[in-house]
Amino acid sequence: MTLRTIAAAAAALTLLAACSKKAEEAAAPAPAAAEPAAEVAAAPALPRTPAPAGAAVSIVSPKDGETVTSPVKVVFGISGMSLAPAGEKNDMAGHHHLLIDTTLADPAVPIPADAQHVHFGKAQTEASVELAPGQHTLQLVLGDYLHIPFDPVIESQKITITVK
């Protein structure tokens, strides 16, 4: 095993461990004017799972432009695929990642686990997310069993909400 392979495996295992936490614990309050996630050292690219034709994810609720109160109930939608827990290899299934006030930096590496990249590795279909008052963007990205986005990326439309 090369050092690069060991480092990639360690990064994937770290992300899997992060998904075993409750979604509520992972969804820490985001600041009202959050900055994009800081760049980190480039992780080695891992093989990406091909996306099934027609697969899609969506944010069912809240709606784009809606004014809400915190905690925000976010309902996830999926079509053309199934949901499966992180760590369970299935080319026709994945699990949701909610991006808050950020964008997907590199689809060739596992999605980070932090306040702006909330993992739902137990195949959850909704979450209660604490957000600070102000305007926020939300977007879903479907990850495979190792938290790597499918190829091509299966992502929802980015929505903007206002928290009172």
N, C-alpha and C. Protein backbone atom coordinates (compact mmCIF):
# COMPACT_ATOMS: atom_id res chain seq x y z
N MET A 1 0.84 -1.19 0.00
CA MET A 1 0.00 0.00 0.00
C MET A 1 0.89 1.25 0.00
N THR A 2 0.53 2.19 -0.85
CA THR A 2 1.31 3.41 -0.88
C THR A 2 0.82 4.36 0.19
N LEU A 3 1.66 5.33 0.50
CA LEU A 3 1.29 6.34 1.50
C LEU A 3 0.04 7.09 1.06
N ARG A 4 -0.08 7.34 -0.24
CA ARG A 4 -1.25 8.04 -0.77
C ARG A 4 -2.52 7.23 -0.54
N THR A 5 -2.47 5.93 -0.78
CA THR A 5 -3.62 5.05 -0.57
C THR A 5 -4.01 5.02 0.90
N ILE A 6 -3.03 4.93 1.78
CA ILE A 6 -3.29 4.91 3.22
C ILE A 6 -3.93 6.23 3.65
N ALA A 7 -3.42 7.35 3.14
CA ALA A 7 -3.98 8.66 3.50
C ALA A 7 -5.41 8.79 3.01
N ALA A 8 -5.68 8.31 1.80
CA ALA A 8 -7.04 8.37 1.26
C ALA A 8 -7.99 7.51 2.08
N ALA A 9 -7.54 6.32 2.45
CA ALA A 9 -8.38 5.43 3.26
C ALA A 9 -8.65 6.05 4.63
N ALA A 10 -7.63 6.67 5.22
CA ALA A 10 -7.80 7.31 6.53
C ALA A 10 -8.81 8.45 6.44
N ALA A 11 -8.73 9.23 5.37
CA ALA A 11 -9.68 10.34 5.20
C ALA A 11 -11.10 9.82 5.05
N ALA A 12 -11.28 8.75 4.28
CA ALA A 12 -12.61 8.19 4.10
C ALA A 12 -13.16 7.63 5.41
N LEU A 13 -12.32 6.96 6.18
CA LEU A 13 -12.77 6.41 7.47
C LEU A 13 -13.14 7.52 8.44
N THR A 14 -12.39 8.60 8.43
CA THR A 14 -12.70 9.74 9.29
C THR A 14 -14.08 10.30 8.95
N LEU A 15 -14.38 10.43 7.65
CA LEU A 15 -15.68 10.93 7.25
C LEU A 15 -16.79 9.96 7.62
N LEU A 16 -16.54 8.67 7.48
CA LEU A 16 -17.55 7.68 7.88
C LEU A 16 -17.85 7.80 9.37
N ALA A 17 -16.81 7.98 10.17
CA ALA A 17 -17.01 8.13 11.62
C ALA A 17 -17.82 9.39 11.92
N ALA A 18 -17.59 10.44 11.17
CA ALA A 18 -18.32 11.69 11.40
C ALA A 18 -19.80 11.50 11.12
N CYS A 19 -20.14 10.64 10.17
CA CYS A 19 -21.55 10.43 9.84
C CYS A 19 -22.28 9.58 10.86
N SER A 20 -21.56 8.96 11.77
CA SER A 20 -22.24 8.15 12.76
C SER A 20 -22.82 9.01 13.88
N LYS A 21 -22.46 10.30 13.92
CA LYS A 21 -23.03 11.22 14.90
C LYS A 21 -24.47 11.51 14.53
N LYS A 22 -25.25 11.94 15.49
CA LYS A 22 -26.61 12.36 15.19
C LYS A 22 -26.56 13.57 14.29
N ALA A 23 -27.50 13.67 13.36
CA ALA A 23 -27.55 14.81 12.44
C ALA A 23 -27.67 16.11 13.20
N GLU A 24 -28.41 16.09 14.32
CA GLU A 24 -28.58 17.31 15.09
C GLU A 24 -27.26 17.79 15.67
N GLU A 25 -26.40 16.87 16.06
CA GLU A 25 -25.10 17.26 16.60
C GLU A 25 -24.23 17.84 15.51
N ALA A 26 -24.34 17.29 14.30
CA ALA A 26 -23.51 17.76 13.20
C ALA A 26 -23.99 19.10 12.67
N ALA A 27 -25.26 19.42 12.87
CA ALA A 27 -25.83 20.64 12.32
C ALA A 27 -25.70 21.78 13.31
N ALA A 28 -24.48 22.20 13.55
CA ALA A 28 -24.24 23.31 14.46
C ALA A 28 -24.74 24.60 13.82
N PRO A 29 -25.09 25.59 14.63
CA PRO A 29 -25.58 26.84 14.05
C PRO A 29 -24.55 27.46 13.12
N ALA A 30 -25.01 27.92 11.98
CA ALA A 30 -24.13 28.59 11.04
C ALA A 30 -24.20 30.09 11.30
N PRO A 31 -23.08 30.79 11.16
CA PRO A 31 -23.12 32.23 11.35
C PRO A 31 -23.98 32.88 10.28
N ALA A 32 -24.50 34.07 10.59
CA ALA A 32 -25.39 34.76 9.67
C ALA A 32 -24.70 35.06 8.34
N ALA A 33 -23.44 35.43 8.38
CA ALA A 33 -22.70 35.76 7.16
C ALA A 33 -21.51 34.83 7.06
N ALA A 34 -21.77 33.55 6.89
CA ALA A 34 -20.70 32.56 6.87
C ALA A 34 -19.84 32.73 5.63
N GLU A 35 -18.57 32.54 5.81
CA GLU A 35 -17.63 32.57 4.70
C GLU A 35 -17.55 31.18 4.10
N PRO A 36 -17.16 31.05 2.80
CA PRO A 36 -16.99 29.72 2.22
C PRO A 36 -15.97 28.93 3.03
N ALA A 37 -16.12 27.63 3.04
CA ALA A 37 -15.21 26.76 3.78
C ALA A 37 -13.77 27.03 3.36
N ALA A 38 -12.88 27.04 4.33
CA ALA A 38 -11.47 27.30 4.05
C ALA A 38 -10.90 26.17 3.20
N GLU A 39 -10.01 26.54 2.31
CA GLU A 39 -9.34 25.55 1.49
C GLU A 39 -8.42 24.70 2.37
N VAL A 40 -8.40 23.42 2.10
CA VAL A 40 -7.52 22.52 2.82
C VAL A 40 -6.59 21.88 1.82
N ALA A 41 -5.56 21.23 2.32
CA ALA A 41 -4.61 20.57 1.44
C ALA A 41 -5.35 19.60 0.53
N ALA A 42 -4.98 19.57 -0.74
CA ALA A 42 -5.67 18.72 -1.70
C ALA A 42 -5.54 17.26 -1.32
N ALA A 43 -6.68 16.61 -1.20
CA ALA A 43 -6.71 15.19 -0.90
C ALA A 43 -6.59 14.43 -2.22
N PRO A 44 -6.06 13.23 -2.17
CA PRO A 44 -5.95 12.46 -3.41
C PRO A 44 -7.33 12.10 -3.94
N ALA A 45 -7.48 12.14 -5.25
CA ALA A 45 -8.75 11.79 -5.87
C ALA A 45 -9.00 10.29 -5.72
N LEU A 46 -10.24 9.94 -5.46
CA LEU A 46 -10.65 8.54 -5.34
C LEU A 46 -11.60 8.23 -6.48
N PRO A 47 -11.77 6.95 -6.82
CA PRO A 47 -12.71 6.61 -7.89
C PRO A 47 -14.12 7.07 -7.55
N ARG A 48 -14.81 7.62 -8.54
CA ARG A 48 -16.19 8.10 -8.34
C ARG A 48 -17.17 7.07 -8.89
N THR A 49 -18.30 6.93 -8.21
CA THR A 49 -19.35 6.03 -8.63
C THR A 49 -20.17 6.69 -9.75
N PRO A 50 -20.38 5.99 -10.87
CA PRO A 50 -21.20 6.58 -11.94
C PRO A 50 -22.63 6.82 -11.46
N ALA A 51 -23.18 7.97 -11.79
CA ALA A 51 -24.56 8.31 -11.42
C ALA A 51 -25.53 7.62 -12.38
N PRO A 52 -26.57 7.02 -11.85
CA PRO A 52 -27.60 6.45 -12.72
C PRO A 52 -28.28 7.55 -13.53
N ALA A 53 -28.62 7.25 -14.76
CA ALA A 53 -29.31 8.23 -15.61
C ALA A 53 -30.62 8.66 -14.95
N GLY A 54 -30.86 9.95 -14.92
CA GLY A 54 -32.11 10.48 -14.39
C GLY A 54 -32.17 10.63 -12.89
N ALA A 55 -31.12 10.25 -12.17
CA ALA A 55 -31.13 10.39 -10.71
C ALA A 55 -31.12 11.87 -10.34
N ALA A 56 -31.89 12.21 -9.29
CA ALA A 56 -31.99 13.62 -8.88
C ALA A 56 -32.27 13.71 -7.39
N VAL A 57 -31.83 14.81 -6.79
CA VAL A 57 -32.17 15.14 -5.41
C VAL A 57 -32.76 16.54 -5.40
N SER A 58 -33.55 16.82 -4.37
CA SER A 58 -34.18 18.14 -4.27
C SER A 58 -34.41 18.48 -2.81
N ILE A 59 -34.57 19.76 -2.56
CA ILE A 59 -35.00 20.23 -1.25
C ILE A 59 -36.50 20.46 -1.38
N VAL A 60 -37.28 19.61 -0.72
CA VAL A 60 -38.74 19.69 -0.79
C VAL A 60 -39.24 20.88 0.02
N SER A 61 -38.61 21.07 1.18
CA SER A 61 -38.98 22.16 2.08
C SER A 61 -37.75 22.55 2.88
N PRO A 62 -37.51 23.83 3.10
CA PRO A 62 -38.30 24.99 2.73
C PRO A 62 -38.17 25.30 1.24
N LYS A 63 -39.00 26.18 0.76
CA LYS A 63 -38.98 26.60 -0.65
C LYS A 63 -38.01 27.76 -0.83
N ASP A 64 -37.49 27.87 -2.04
CA ASP A 64 -36.59 28.98 -2.38
C ASP A 64 -37.29 30.30 -2.10
N GLY A 65 -36.60 31.21 -1.39
CA GLY A 65 -37.13 32.53 -1.09
C GLY A 65 -37.98 32.59 0.17
N GLU A 66 -38.22 31.47 0.82
CA GLU A 66 -39.07 31.42 2.00
C GLU A 66 -38.39 32.07 3.21
N THR A 67 -39.19 32.67 4.09
CA THR A 67 -38.72 33.18 5.37
C THR A 67 -39.15 32.17 6.43
N VAL A 68 -38.21 31.75 7.27
CA VAL A 68 -38.44 30.68 8.24
C VAL A 68 -37.88 31.07 9.60
N THR A 69 -38.15 30.24 10.60
CA THR A 69 -37.55 30.42 11.91
C THR A 69 -36.63 29.23 12.19
N SER A 70 -35.68 29.44 13.06
CA SER A 70 -34.75 28.38 13.43
C SER A 70 -35.28 27.67 14.68
N PRO A 71 -35.15 26.37 14.76
CA PRO A 71 -34.51 25.47 13.81
C PRO A 71 -35.35 25.32 12.54
N VAL A 72 -34.66 25.12 11.42
CA VAL A 72 -35.30 25.00 10.12
C VAL A 72 -35.47 23.51 9.81
N LYS A 73 -36.71 23.11 9.53
CA LYS A 73 -36.95 21.74 9.11
C LYS A 73 -36.68 21.67 7.61
N VAL A 74 -35.68 20.85 7.23
CA VAL A 74 -35.31 20.68 5.82
C VAL A 74 -35.72 19.26 5.43
N VAL A 75 -36.56 19.16 4.40
CA VAL A 75 -37.02 17.87 3.90
C VAL A 75 -36.33 17.60 2.57
N PHE A 76 -35.72 16.41 2.46
CA PHE A 76 -34.93 16.02 1.29
C PHE A 76 -35.78 15.16 0.34
N GLY A 77 -35.59 15.35 -0.96
CA GLY A 77 -36.24 14.51 -1.96
C GLY A 77 -35.20 13.79 -2.79
N ILE A 78 -35.57 12.61 -3.29
CA ILE A 78 -34.68 11.83 -4.16
C ILE A 78 -35.53 11.06 -5.16
N SER A 79 -35.03 10.94 -6.39
CA SER A 79 -35.70 10.12 -7.40
C SER A 79 -34.66 9.45 -8.27
N GLY A 80 -35.03 8.28 -8.79
CA GLY A 80 -34.12 7.54 -9.68
C GLY A 80 -33.03 6.79 -8.96
N MET A 81 -33.04 6.80 -7.64
CA MET A 81 -32.05 6.09 -6.81
C MET A 81 -32.68 5.79 -5.47
N SER A 82 -31.94 5.07 -4.65
CA SER A 82 -32.36 4.77 -3.28
C SER A 82 -31.42 5.46 -2.31
N LEU A 83 -31.79 5.43 -1.05
CA LEU A 83 -30.91 5.90 0.01
C LEU A 83 -30.32 4.69 0.73
N ALA A 84 -29.07 4.83 1.15
CA ALA A 84 -28.39 3.78 1.92
C ALA A 84 -27.45 4.46 2.90
N PRO A 85 -27.21 3.83 4.04
CA PRO A 85 -26.29 4.42 5.01
C PRO A 85 -24.87 4.53 4.45
N ALA A 86 -24.13 5.50 4.96
CA ALA A 86 -22.72 5.63 4.60
C ALA A 86 -22.01 4.34 4.95
N GLY A 87 -21.05 3.96 4.12
CA GLY A 87 -20.30 2.74 4.36
C GLY A 87 -20.90 1.51 3.71
N GLU A 88 -22.14 1.62 3.24
CA GLU A 88 -22.82 0.50 2.58
C GLU A 88 -22.71 0.68 1.07
N LYS A 89 -21.82 -0.10 0.44
CA LYS A 89 -21.57 0.06 -0.99
C LYS A 89 -22.76 -0.43 -1.80
N ASN A 90 -23.30 0.47 -2.62
CA ASN A 90 -24.44 0.17 -3.49
C ASN A 90 -24.43 1.24 -4.57
N ASP A 91 -24.13 0.84 -5.80
CA ASP A 91 -24.01 1.81 -6.89
C ASP A 91 -25.32 2.50 -7.24
N MET A 92 -26.46 1.98 -6.74
CA MET A 92 -27.76 2.57 -7.02
C MET A 92 -28.32 3.31 -5.81
N ALA A 93 -27.45 3.59 -4.82
CA ALA A 93 -27.91 4.28 -3.61
C ALA A 93 -26.82 5.20 -3.09
N GLY A 94 -27.23 6.19 -2.31
CA GLY A 94 -26.29 7.12 -1.69
C GLY A 94 -26.94 7.72 -0.46
N HIS A 95 -26.32 8.75 0.06
CA HIS A 95 -26.89 9.47 1.21
C HIS A 95 -26.67 10.96 1.03
N HIS A 96 -27.54 11.73 1.69
CA HIS A 96 -27.56 13.18 1.51
C HIS A 96 -26.45 13.89 2.29
N HIS A 97 -26.02 15.02 1.72
CA HIS A 97 -25.13 15.98 2.37
C HIS A 97 -25.76 17.34 2.14
N LEU A 98 -25.96 18.10 3.20
CA LEU A 98 -26.56 19.43 3.08
C LEU A 98 -25.45 20.47 3.13
N LEU A 99 -25.33 21.24 2.07
CA LEU A 99 -24.34 22.31 2.01
C LEU A 99 -25.03 23.61 2.43
N ILE A 100 -24.47 24.25 3.46
CA ILE A 100 -25.05 25.47 4.01
C ILE A 100 -24.08 26.63 3.75
N ASP A 101 -24.54 27.60 2.99
CA ASP A 101 -23.75 28.81 2.71
C ASP A 101 -22.39 28.48 2.09
N THR A 102 -22.36 27.46 1.23
CA THR A 102 -21.11 27.09 0.57
C THR A 102 -21.44 26.35 -0.71
N THR A 103 -20.42 26.00 -1.46
CA THR A 103 -20.57 25.19 -2.67
C THR A 103 -19.65 23.98 -2.57
N LEU A 104 -19.88 23.01 -3.42
CA LEU A 104 -19.04 21.82 -3.47
C LEU A 104 -17.70 22.21 -4.08
N ALA A 105 -16.63 22.05 -3.30
CA ALA A 105 -15.31 22.50 -3.75
C ALA A 105 -14.70 21.57 -4.80
N ASP A 106 -14.68 20.26 -4.55
CA ASP A 106 -14.01 19.32 -5.45
C ASP A 106 -14.78 18.01 -5.44
N PRO A 107 -15.48 17.69 -6.52
CA PRO A 107 -16.27 16.46 -6.54
C PRO A 107 -15.44 15.18 -6.60
N ALA A 108 -14.13 15.30 -6.72
CA ALA A 108 -13.28 14.12 -6.81
C ALA A 108 -12.79 13.62 -5.45
N VAL A 109 -13.16 14.33 -4.38
CA VAL A 109 -12.73 13.92 -3.04
C VAL A 109 -13.95 13.84 -2.13
N PRO A 110 -13.86 13.12 -1.02
CA PRO A 110 -14.99 13.03 -0.10
C PRO A 110 -15.45 14.42 0.37
N ILE A 111 -16.75 14.56 0.54
CA ILE A 111 -17.34 15.82 1.03
C ILE A 111 -16.91 16.00 2.48
N PRO A 112 -16.35 17.16 2.84
CA PRO A 112 -15.92 17.35 4.23
C PRO A 112 -17.11 17.31 5.19
N ALA A 113 -16.82 17.07 6.45
CA ALA A 113 -17.86 17.06 7.49
C ALA A 113 -17.58 18.23 8.42
N ASP A 114 -18.40 19.28 8.31
CA ASP A 114 -18.25 20.45 9.17
C ASP A 114 -19.60 21.17 9.21
N ALA A 115 -19.64 22.34 9.81
CA ALA A 115 -20.90 23.07 9.97
C ALA A 115 -21.52 23.47 8.63
N GLN A 116 -20.73 23.55 7.58
CA GLN A 116 -21.25 23.93 6.27
C GLN A 116 -21.50 22.74 5.35
N HIS A 117 -21.05 21.55 5.74
CA HIS A 117 -21.23 20.32 4.97
C HIS A 117 -21.77 19.27 5.94
N VAL A 118 -23.09 19.23 6.10
CA VAL A 118 -23.71 18.37 7.11
C VAL A 118 -24.05 17.03 6.46
N HIS A 119 -23.53 15.96 7.07
CA HIS A 119 -23.70 14.60 6.55
C HIS A 119 -24.92 13.93 7.17
N PHE A 120 -25.63 13.18 6.35
CA PHE A 120 -26.78 12.40 6.80
C PHE A 120 -26.53 10.95 6.42
N GLY A 121 -25.51 10.38 7.06
CA GLY A 121 -25.00 9.06 6.74
C GLY A 121 -25.85 7.90 7.21
N LYS A 122 -26.99 8.20 7.81
CA LYS A 122 -27.92 7.12 8.20
C LYS A 122 -29.10 7.07 7.23
N ALA A 123 -28.92 7.71 6.07
CA ALA A 123 -29.94 7.75 5.02
C ALA A 123 -31.19 8.53 5.45
N GLN A 124 -30.99 9.56 6.26
CA GLN A 124 -32.11 10.40 6.70
C GLN A 124 -32.75 11.13 5.52
N THR A 125 -34.03 11.43 5.68
CA THR A 125 -34.78 12.13 4.63
C THR A 125 -35.21 13.53 5.05
N GLU A 126 -34.88 13.92 6.28
CA GLU A 126 -35.16 15.28 6.74
C GLU A 126 -34.27 15.58 7.94
N ALA A 127 -34.20 16.87 8.27
CA ALA A 127 -33.36 17.28 9.40
C ALA A 127 -33.87 18.60 9.95
N SER A 128 -33.56 18.82 11.21
CA SER A 128 -33.83 20.09 11.87
C SER A 128 -32.48 20.78 12.03
N VAL A 129 -32.32 21.93 11.38
CA VAL A 129 -31.02 22.59 11.31
C VAL A 129 -31.11 23.96 11.99
N GLU A 130 -30.22 24.19 12.95
CA GLU A 130 -30.12 25.49 13.63
C GLU A 130 -29.36 26.45 12.72
N LEU A 131 -29.99 27.58 12.40
CA LEU A 131 -29.33 28.60 11.59
C LEU A 131 -29.50 29.95 12.27
N ALA A 132 -28.47 30.77 12.20
CA ALA A 132 -28.52 32.12 12.75
C ALA A 132 -29.45 32.98 11.90
N PRO A 133 -30.01 34.04 12.48
CA PRO A 133 -30.85 34.94 11.69
C PRO A 133 -30.07 35.50 10.50
N GLY A 134 -30.77 35.68 9.40
CA GLY A 134 -30.16 36.21 8.19
C GLY A 134 -30.45 35.34 6.99
N GLN A 135 -29.79 35.66 5.88
CA GLN A 135 -29.98 34.94 4.64
C GLN A 135 -29.00 33.78 4.55
N HIS A 136 -29.48 32.61 4.08
CA HIS A 136 -28.65 31.41 3.95
C HIS A 136 -28.97 30.70 2.65
N THR A 137 -27.96 30.01 2.10
CA THR A 137 -28.19 29.14 0.95
C THR A 137 -28.11 27.69 1.42
N LEU A 138 -28.93 26.85 0.80
CA LEU A 138 -28.96 25.42 1.09
C LEU A 138 -28.90 24.67 -0.23
N GLN A 139 -28.15 23.56 -0.24
CA GLN A 139 -28.08 22.71 -1.42
C GLN A 139 -27.78 21.29 -0.97
N LEU A 140 -28.42 20.31 -1.60
CA LEU A 140 -28.16 18.90 -1.32
C LEU A 140 -27.19 18.35 -2.36
N VAL A 141 -26.29 17.49 -1.90
CA VAL A 141 -25.41 16.74 -2.79
C VAL A 141 -25.48 15.29 -2.33
N LEU A 142 -25.70 14.38 -3.26
CA LEU A 142 -25.75 12.96 -2.92
C LEU A 142 -24.35 12.38 -2.98
N GLY A 143 -23.96 11.71 -1.90
CA GLY A 143 -22.65 11.07 -1.85
C GLY A 143 -22.78 9.56 -1.87
N ASP A 144 -21.72 8.90 -2.33
CA ASP A 144 -21.72 7.44 -2.32
C ASP A 144 -21.33 6.94 -0.94
N TYR A 145 -21.04 5.66 -0.82
CA TYR A 145 -20.75 5.07 0.49
C TYR A 145 -19.52 5.67 1.17
N LEU A 146 -18.64 6.32 0.39
CA LEU A 146 -17.44 6.96 0.95
C LEU A 146 -17.56 8.48 0.97
N HIS A 147 -18.78 9.00 0.80
CA HIS A 147 -19.04 10.45 0.80
C HIS A 147 -18.49 11.17 -0.42
N ILE A 148 -18.21 10.43 -1.48
CA ILE A 148 -17.72 11.04 -2.71
C ILE A 148 -18.93 11.31 -3.61
N PRO A 149 -19.05 12.52 -4.16
CA PRO A 149 -20.16 12.80 -5.07
C PRO A 149 -20.15 11.85 -6.28
N PHE A 150 -21.34 11.52 -6.75
CA PHE A 150 -21.46 10.67 -7.93
C PHE A 150 -20.92 11.40 -9.15
N ASP A 151 -20.73 10.66 -10.25
CA ASP A 151 -20.19 11.23 -11.49
C ASP A 151 -21.19 10.98 -12.61
N PRO A 152 -21.87 12.03 -13.11
CA PRO A 152 -21.77 13.42 -12.69
C PRO A 152 -22.43 13.65 -11.32
N VAL A 153 -22.12 14.81 -10.74
CA VAL A 153 -22.63 15.16 -9.41
C VAL A 153 -24.16 15.19 -9.44
N ILE A 154 -24.77 14.56 -8.42
CA ILE A 154 -26.22 14.61 -8.25
C ILE A 154 -26.46 15.65 -7.16
N GLU A 155 -26.95 16.82 -7.57
CA GLU A 155 -27.13 17.92 -6.63
C GLU A 155 -28.46 18.61 -6.88
N SER A 156 -28.99 19.20 -5.83
CA SER A 156 -30.24 19.95 -5.95
C SER A 156 -29.96 21.35 -6.44
N GLN A 157 -31.04 22.03 -6.79
CA GLN A 157 -30.95 23.47 -7.04
C GLN A 157 -30.56 24.11 -5.70
N LYS A 158 -29.70 25.11 -5.75
CA LYS A 158 -29.37 25.86 -4.53
C LYS A 158 -30.51 26.81 -4.24
N ILE A 159 -30.98 26.78 -2.99
CA ILE A 159 -32.07 27.69 -2.60
C ILE A 159 -31.54 28.71 -1.62
N THR A 160 -32.25 29.84 -1.54
CA THR A 160 -31.91 30.88 -0.56
C THR A 160 -33.12 31.05 0.35
N ILE A 161 -32.85 31.04 1.65
CA ILE A 161 -33.91 31.27 2.64
C ILE A 161 -33.47 32.39 3.57
N THR A 162 -34.45 32.97 4.26
CA THR A 162 -34.15 33.99 5.26
C THR A 162 -34.66 33.48 6.59
N VAL A 163 -33.76 33.50 7.58
CA VAL A 163 -34.13 33.09 8.93
C VAL A 163 -34.41 34.34 9.75
N LYS A 164 -35.62 34.38 10.39
CA LYS A 164 -36.01 35.54 11.20
C LYS A 164 -35.27 35.52 12.52
